[in-house]
Amino acid sequence: MFCIHAGLSPDVPTIDQVNVIDRRIEVPAVGPLADLLWSDPEPKQEVLTQGWGPNPRGAGYIFGENIVDEVN
């Protein structure tokens, strides 16, 4: 089971790569660790053109079902 606070990251294309992220640090403003905390799924697929989009909250990304399928 892979349970995260919010989302996925374009810098972490597989679940196995989560293990190489140093998680014993202060959460940076940008990067894979920040993405895992702040990215959000976007149910409106037409909003996304490349699979990833800027998050309107200003942190992380938005991503569609296609990204979830790729990671899984």
PDB file of N, CA and C in Angstrom:
ATOM      1  N   MET A   1       0.845  -1.169   0.000  1.00  0.00           N
ATOM      2  CA  MET A   1       0.000   0.000   0.000  1.00  0.00           C
ATOM      3  C   MET A   1       0.896   1.239   0.000  1.00  0.00           C
ATOM      4  N   PHE A   2       0.520   2.191  -0.822  1.00  0.00           N
ATOM      5  CA  PHE A   2       1.240   3.463  -0.911  1.00  0.00           C
ATOM      6  C   PHE A   2       0.265   4.560  -0.532  1.00  0.00           C
ATOM      7  N   CYS A   3       0.455   5.157   0.624  1.00  0.00           N
ATOM      8  CA  CYS A   3      -0.458   6.181   1.127  1.00  0.00           C
ATOM      9  C   CYS A   3       0.332   7.473   1.317  1.00  0.00           C
ATOM     10  N   ILE A   4      -0.105   8.525   0.675  1.00  0.00           N
ATOM     11  CA  ILE A   4       0.581   9.809   0.772  1.00  0.00           C
ATOM     12  C   ILE A   4      -0.412  10.900   1.135  1.00  0.00           C
ATOM     13  N   HIS A   5       0.105  12.024   1.551  1.00  0.00           N
ATOM     14  CA  HIS A   5      -0.732  13.144   1.968  1.00  0.00           C
ATOM     15  C   HIS A   5      -1.550  13.706   0.817  1.00  0.00           C
ATOM     16  N   ALA A   6      -0.938  13.876  -0.324  1.00  0.00           N
ATOM     17  CA  ALA A   6      -1.662  14.571  -1.384  1.00  0.00           C
ATOM     18  C   ALA A   6      -1.469  13.966  -2.759  1.00  0.00           C
ATOM     19  N   GLY A   7      -0.261  13.934  -3.259  1.00  0.00           N
ATOM     20  CA  GLY A   7      -0.157  13.611  -4.661  1.00  0.00           C
ATOM     21  C   GLY A   7       1.092  12.906  -5.098  1.00  0.00           C
ATOM     22  N   LEU A   8       1.347  13.070  -6.371  1.00  0.00           N
ATOM     23  CA  LEU A   8       2.469  12.435  -7.044  1.00  0.00           C
ATOM     24  C   LEU A   8       3.410  13.510  -7.556  1.00  0.00           C
ATOM     25  N   SER A   9       4.536  13.075  -8.110  1.00  0.00           N
ATOM     26  CA  SER A   9       5.534  14.019  -8.603  1.00  0.00           C
ATOM     27  C   SER A   9       6.064  13.561  -9.954  1.00  0.00           C
ATOM     28  N   PRO A  10       6.251  14.502 -10.891  1.00  0.00           N
ATOM     29  CA  PRO A  10       6.859  14.113 -12.160  1.00  0.00           C
ATOM     30  C   PRO A  10       8.311  13.669 -11.980  1.00  0.00           C
ATOM     31  N   ASP A  11       8.919  14.010 -10.847  1.00  0.00           N
ATOM     32  CA  ASP A  11      10.296  13.604 -10.563  1.00  0.00           C
ATOM     33  C   ASP A  11      10.380  12.232  -9.891  1.00  0.00           C
ATOM     34  N   VAL A  12       9.225  11.623  -9.612  1.00  0.00           N
ATOM     35  CA  VAL A  12       9.171  10.300  -8.986  1.00  0.00           C
ATOM     36  C   VAL A  12       8.225   9.437  -9.834  1.00  0.00           C
ATOM     37  N   PRO A  13       8.712   8.909 -10.966  1.00  0.00           N
ATOM     38  CA  PRO A  13       7.832   8.188 -11.884  1.00  0.00           C
ATOM     39  C   PRO A  13       7.399   6.800 -11.412  1.00  0.00           C
ATOM     40  N   THR A  14       8.049   6.242 -10.389  1.00  0.00           N
ATOM     41  CA  THR A  14       7.635   4.940  -9.865  1.00  0.00           C
ATOM     42  C   THR A  14       7.595   4.982  -8.349  1.00  0.00           C
ATOM     43  N   ILE A  15       6.759   4.162  -7.778  1.00  0.00           N
ATOM     44  CA  ILE A  15       6.646   4.111  -6.318  1.00  0.00           C
ATOM     45  C   ILE A  15       7.965   3.691  -5.685  1.00  0.00           C
ATOM     46  N   ASP A  16       8.716   2.805  -6.336  1.00  0.00           N
ATOM     47  CA  ASP A  16      10.000   2.360  -5.797  1.00  0.00           C
ATOM     48  C   ASP A  16      10.972   3.525  -5.574  1.00  0.00           C
ATOM     49  N   GLN A  17      10.849   4.577  -6.376  1.00  0.00           N
ATOM     50  CA  GLN A  17      11.771   5.704  -6.253  1.00  0.00           C
ATOM     51  C   GLN A  17      11.507   6.563  -5.018  1.00  0.00           C
ATOM     52  N   VAL A  18      10.371   6.371  -4.373  1.00  0.00           N
ATOM     53  CA  VAL A  18      10.099   7.096  -3.131  1.00  0.00           C
ATOM     54  C   VAL A  18      11.140   6.721  -2.080  1.00  0.00           C
ATOM     55  N   ASN A  19      11.607   5.481  -2.116  1.00  0.00           N
ATOM     56  CA  ASN A  19      12.573   5.008  -1.118  1.00  0.00           C
ATOM     57  C   ASN A  19      13.910   5.728  -1.169  1.00  0.00           C
ATOM     58  N   VAL A  20      14.252   6.352  -2.289  1.00  0.00           N
ATOM     59  CA  VAL A  20      15.541   7.036  -2.382  1.00  0.00           C
ATOM     60  C   VAL A  20      15.463   8.502  -1.972  1.00  0.00           C
ATOM     61  N   ILE A  21      14.268   8.991  -1.685  1.00  0.00           N
ATOM     62  CA  ILE A  21      14.109  10.375  -1.236  1.00  0.00           C
ATOM     63  C   ILE A  21      14.440  10.447   0.252  1.00  0.00           C
ATOM     64  N   ASP A  22      15.303  11.363   0.616  1.00  0.00           N
ATOM     65  CA  ASP A  22      15.608  11.575   2.034  1.00  0.00           C
ATOM     66  C   ASP A  22      14.433  12.302   2.662  1.00  0.00           C
ATOM     67  N   ARG A  23      13.673  11.601   3.484  1.00  0.00           N
ATOM     68  CA  ARG A  23      12.475  12.179   4.093  1.00  0.00           C
ATOM     69  C   ARG A  23      12.731  12.685   5.504  1.00  0.00           C
ATOM     70  N   ARG A  24      13.965  12.631   5.946  1.00  0.00           N
ATOM     71  CA  ARG A  24      14.293  13.105   7.292  1.00  0.00           C
ATOM     72  C   ARG A  24      14.842  14.528   7.229  1.00  0.00           C
ATOM     73  N   ILE A  25      14.205  15.359   6.433  1.00  0.00           N
ATOM     74  CA  ILE A  25      14.642  16.735   6.262  1.00  0.00           C
ATOM     75  C   ILE A  25      13.445  17.666   6.374  1.00  0.00           C
ATOM     76  N   GLU A  26      13.726  18.934   6.551  1.00  0.00           N
ATOM     77  CA  GLU A  26      12.665  19.946   6.478  1.00  0.00           C
ATOM     78  C   GLU A  26      12.110  19.908   5.053  1.00  0.00           C
ATOM     79  N   VAL A  27      10.809  19.979   4.922  1.00  0.00           N
ATOM     80  CA  VAL A  27      10.205  19.905   3.593  1.00  0.00           C
ATOM     81  C   VAL A  27      10.603  21.139   2.783  1.00  0.00           C
ATOM     82  N   PRO A  28      11.244  20.923   1.631  1.00  0.00           N
ATOM     83  CA  PRO A  28      11.641  22.056   0.798  1.00  0.00           C
ATOM     84  C   PRO A  28      10.426  22.680   0.112  1.00  0.00           C
ATOM     85  N   ALA A  29      10.601  23.871  -0.436  1.00  0.00           N
ATOM     86  CA  ALA A  29       9.513  24.566  -1.123  1.00  0.00           C
ATOM     87  C   ALA A  29       9.185  23.925  -2.464  1.00  0.00           C
ATOM     88  N   VAL A  30      10.178  23.317  -3.110  1.00  0.00           N
ATOM     89  CA  VAL A  30       9.977  22.665  -4.405  1.00  0.00           C
ATOM     90  C   VAL A  30      10.727  21.342  -4.421  1.00  0.00           C
ATOM     91  N   GLY A  31      10.385  20.496  -5.382  1.00  0.00           N
ATOM     92  CA  GLY A  31      11.076  19.220  -5.528  1.00  0.00           C
ATOM     93  C   GLY A  31      10.171  18.048  -5.230  1.00  0.00           C
ATOM     94  N   PRO A  32      10.695  16.840  -5.371  1.00  0.00           N
ATOM     95  CA  PRO A  32       9.876  15.631  -5.232  1.00  0.00           C
ATOM     96  C   PRO A  32       9.156  15.503  -3.890  1.00  0.00           C
ATOM     97  N   LEU A  33       9.841  15.803  -2.807  1.00  0.00           N
ATOM     98  CA  LEU A  33       9.210  15.670  -1.493  1.00  0.00           C
ATOM     99  C   LEU A  33       8.061  16.662  -1.345  1.00  0.00           C
ATOM    100  N   ALA A  34       8.274  17.888  -1.765  1.00  0.00           N
ATOM    101  CA  ALA A  34       7.200  18.886  -1.727  1.00  0.00           C
ATOM    102  C   ALA A  34       6.044  18.457  -2.627  1.00  0.00           C
ATOM    103  N   ASP A  35       6.355  17.905  -3.785  1.00  0.00           N
ATOM    104  CA  ASP A  35       5.308  17.449  -4.702  1.00  0.00           C
ATOM    105  C   ASP A  35       4.439  16.366  -4.058  1.00  0.00           C
ATOM    106  N   LEU A  36       5.068  15.411  -3.380  1.00  0.00           N
ATOM    107  CA  LEU A  36       4.309  14.338  -2.742  1.00  0.00           C
ATOM    108  C   LEU A  36       3.367  14.877  -1.672  1.00  0.00           C
ATOM    109  N   LEU A  37       3.755  15.977  -1.055  1.00  0.00           N
ATOM    110  CA  LEU A  37       2.904  16.577  -0.023  1.00  0.00           C
ATOM    111  C   LEU A  37       1.812  17.477  -0.589  1.00  0.00           C
ATOM    112  N   TRP A  38       2.097  18.196  -1.666  1.00  0.00           N
ATOM    113  CA  TRP A  38       1.200  19.271  -2.086  1.00  0.00           C
ATOM    114  C   TRP A  38       0.524  19.087  -3.429  1.00  0.00           C
ATOM    115  N   SER A  39       0.899  18.124  -4.235  1.00  0.00           N
ATOM    116  CA  SER A  39       0.234  17.940  -5.522  1.00  0.00           C
ATOM    117  C   SER A  39      -1.180  17.395  -5.321  1.00  0.00           C
ATOM    118  N   ASP A  40      -2.040  17.687  -6.284  1.00  0.00           N
ATOM    119  CA  ASP A  40      -3.445  17.308  -6.164  1.00  0.00           C
ATOM    120  C   ASP A  40      -3.933  16.595  -7.421  1.00  0.00           C
ATOM    121  N   PRO A  41      -4.786  15.574  -7.248  1.00  0.00           N
ATOM    122  CA  PRO A  41      -5.420  14.973  -8.416  1.00  0.00           C
ATOM    123  C   PRO A  41      -6.417  15.962  -9.017  1.00  0.00           C
ATOM    124  N   GLU A  42      -6.561  15.912 -10.313  1.00  0.00           N
ATOM    125  CA  GLU A  42      -7.486  16.796 -11.023  1.00  0.00           C
ATOM    126  C   GLU A  42      -8.490  15.932 -11.770  1.00  0.00           C
ATOM    127  N   PRO A  43      -9.751  15.909 -11.317  1.00  0.00           N
ATOM    128  CA  PRO A  43     -10.736  15.050 -11.966  1.00  0.00           C
ATOM    129  C   PRO A  43     -11.144  15.528 -13.364  1.00  0.00           C
ATOM    130  N   LYS A  44     -10.941  16.795 -13.669  1.00  0.00           N
ATOM    131  CA  LYS A  44     -11.316  17.327 -14.984  1.00  0.00           C
ATOM    132  C   LYS A  44     -10.149  17.152 -15.942  1.00  0.00           C
ATOM    133  N   GLN A  45     -10.096  16.008 -16.596  1.00  0.00           N
ATOM    134  CA  GLN A  45      -8.969  15.639 -17.464  1.00  0.00           C
ATOM    135  C   GLN A  45      -8.696  16.680 -18.536  1.00  0.00           C
ATOM    136  N   GLU A  46      -9.718  17.364 -19.025  1.00  0.00           N
ATOM    137  CA  GLU A  46      -9.512  18.343 -20.087  1.00  0.00           C
ATOM    138  C   GLU A  46      -8.704  19.552 -19.628  1.00  0.00           C
ATOM    139  N   VAL A  47      -8.569  19.747 -18.332  1.00  0.00           N
ATOM    140  CA  VAL A  47      -7.762  20.847 -17.810  1.00  0.00           C
ATOM    141  C   VAL A  47      -6.281  20.613 -18.123  1.00  0.00           C
ATOM    142  N   LEU A  48      -5.877  19.360 -18.210  1.00  0.00           N
ATOM    143  CA  LEU A  48      -4.472  19.013 -18.382  1.00  0.00           C
ATOM    144  C   LEU A  48      -4.153  18.734 -19.840  1.00  0.00           C
ATOM    145  N   THR A  49      -3.007  19.230 -20.298  1.00  0.00           N
ATOM    146  CA  THR A  49      -2.605  18.965 -21.673  1.00  0.00           C
ATOM    147  C   THR A  49      -1.409  18.027 -21.746  1.00  0.00           C
ATOM    148  N   GLN A  50      -0.531  18.052 -20.757  1.00  0.00           N
ATOM    149  CA  GLN A  50       0.665  17.226 -20.763  1.00  0.00           C
ATOM    150  C   GLN A  50       0.633  16.159 -19.667  1.00  0.00           C
ATOM    151  N   GLY A  51      -0.469  16.003 -18.976  1.00  0.00           N
ATOM    152  CA  GLY A  51      -0.533  15.051 -17.873  1.00  0.00           C
ATOM    153  C   GLY A  51      -0.258  15.699 -16.531  1.00  0.00           C
ATOM    154  N   TRP A  52       0.540  16.748 -16.527  1.00  0.00           N
ATOM    155  CA  TRP A  52       0.851  17.513 -15.323  1.00  0.00           C
ATOM    156  C   TRP A  52       0.485  18.969 -15.584  1.00  0.00           C
ATOM    157  N   GLY A  53       0.054  19.653 -14.567  1.00  0.00           N
ATOM    158  CA  GLY A  53      -0.255  21.065 -14.726  1.00  0.00           C
ATOM    159  C   GLY A  53       0.151  21.829 -13.481  1.00  0.00           C
ATOM    160  N   PRO A  54       0.238  23.153 -13.586  1.00  0.00           N
ATOM    161  CA  PRO A  54       0.562  23.947 -12.401  1.00  0.00           C
ATOM    162  C   PRO A  54      -0.594  23.881 -11.404  1.00  0.00           C
ATOM    163  N   ASN A  55      -0.262  23.765 -10.155  1.00  0.00           N
ATOM    164  CA  ASN A  55      -1.275  23.702  -9.112  1.00  0.00           C
ATOM    165  C   ASN A  55      -1.715  25.124  -8.779  1.00  0.00           C
ATOM    166  N   PRO A  56      -3.002  25.409  -8.824  1.00  0.00           N
ATOM    167  CA  PRO A  56      -3.463  26.762  -8.513  1.00  0.00           C
ATOM    168  C   PRO A  56      -3.153  27.187  -7.078  1.00  0.00           C
ATOM    169  N   ARG A  57      -2.850  26.226  -6.200  1.00  0.00           N
ATOM    170  CA  ARG A  57      -2.479  26.575  -4.826  1.00  0.00           C
ATOM    171  C   ARG A  57      -1.047  27.103  -4.739  1.00  0.00           C
ATOM    172  N   GLY A  58      -0.296  26.956  -5.830  1.00  0.00           N
ATOM    173  CA  GLY A  58       1.066  27.487  -5.858  1.00  0.00           C
ATOM    174  C   GLY A  58       2.135  26.521  -5.401  1.00  0.00           C
ATOM    175  N   ALA A  59       1.774  25.307  -5.062  1.00  0.00           N
ATOM    176  CA  ALA A  59       2.752  24.303  -4.627  1.00  0.00           C
ATOM    177  C   ALA A  59       2.418  22.978  -5.280  1.00  0.00           C
ATOM    178  N   GLY A  60       3.431  22.259  -5.722  1.00  0.00           N
ATOM    179  CA  GLY A  60       3.210  20.971  -6.368  1.00  0.00           C
ATOM    180  C   GLY A  60       2.575  21.129  -7.731  1.00  0.00           C
ATOM    181  N   TYR A  61       1.882  20.088  -8.151  1.00  0.00           N
ATOM    182  CA  TYR A  61       1.260  20.026  -9.476  1.00  0.00           C
ATOM    183  C   TYR A  61      -0.169  19.529  -9.345  1.00  0.00           C
ATOM    184  N   ILE A  62      -0.922  19.620 -10.424  1.00  0.00           N
ATOM    185  CA  ILE A  62      -2.157  18.866 -10.553  1.00  0.00           C
ATOM    186  C   ILE A  62      -1.881  17.780 -11.587  1.00  0.00           C
ATOM    187  N   PHE A  63      -2.565  16.665 -11.457  1.00  0.00           N
ATOM    188  CA  PHE A  63      -2.342  15.533 -12.351  1.00  0.00           C
ATOM    189  C   PHE A  63      -3.644  14.790 -12.547  1.00  0.00           C
ATOM    190  N   GLY A  64      -3.732  14.093 -13.668  1.00  0.00           N
ATOM    191  CA  GLY A  64      -4.955  13.371 -14.007  1.00  0.00           C
ATOM    192  C   GLY A  64      -4.841  11.879 -13.771  1.00  0.00           C
ATOM    193  N   GLU A  65      -5.927  11.218 -14.078  1.00  0.00           N
ATOM    194  CA  GLU A  65      -6.015   9.765 -13.908  1.00  0.00           C
ATOM    195  C   GLU A  65      -4.939   9.044 -14.717  1.00  0.00           C
ATOM    196  N   ASN A  66      -4.560   9.606 -15.860  1.00  0.00           N
ATOM    197  CA  ASN A  66      -3.542   8.978 -16.689  1.00  0.00           C
ATOM    198  C   ASN A  66      -2.205   8.877 -15.949  1.00  0.00           C
ATOM    199  N   ILE A  67      -1.882   9.864 -15.142  1.00  0.00           N
ATOM    200  CA  ILE A  67      -0.633   9.829 -14.356  1.00  0.00           C
ATOM    201  C   ILE A  67      -0.726   8.745 -13.293  1.00  0.00           C
ATOM    202  N   VAL A  68      -1.857   8.649 -12.634  1.00  0.00           N
ATOM    203  CA  VAL A  68      -2.047   7.597 -11.610  1.00  0.00           C
ATOM    204  C   VAL A  68      -1.869   6.222 -12.259  1.00  0.00           C
ATOM    205  N   ASP A  69      -2.434   6.039 -13.440  1.00  0.00           N
ATOM    206  CA  ASP A  69      -2.280   4.771 -14.146  1.00  0.00           C
ATOM    207  C   ASP A  69      -0.834   4.471 -14.477  1.00  0.00           C
ATOM    208  N   GLU A  70      -0.072   5.489 -14.912  1.00  0.00           N
ATOM    209  CA  GLU A  70       1.344   5.297 -15.238  1.00  0.00           C
ATOM    210  C   GLU A  70       2.153   4.898 -14.002  1.00  0.00           C
ATOM    211  N   VAL A  71       1.911   5.547 -12.888  1.00  0.00           N
ATOM    212  CA  VAL A  71       2.666   5.245 -11.664  1.00  0.00           C
ATOM    213  C   VAL A  71       2.314   3.855 -11.149  1.00  0.00           C
ATOM    214  N   ASN A  72       1.050   3.511 -11.214  1.00  0.00           N
ATOM    215  CA  ASN A  72       0.631   2.181 -10.755  1.00  0.00           C
ATOM    216  C   ASN A  72       1.096   1.106 -11.705  1.00  0.00           C
TER     217      ASN A  72
END
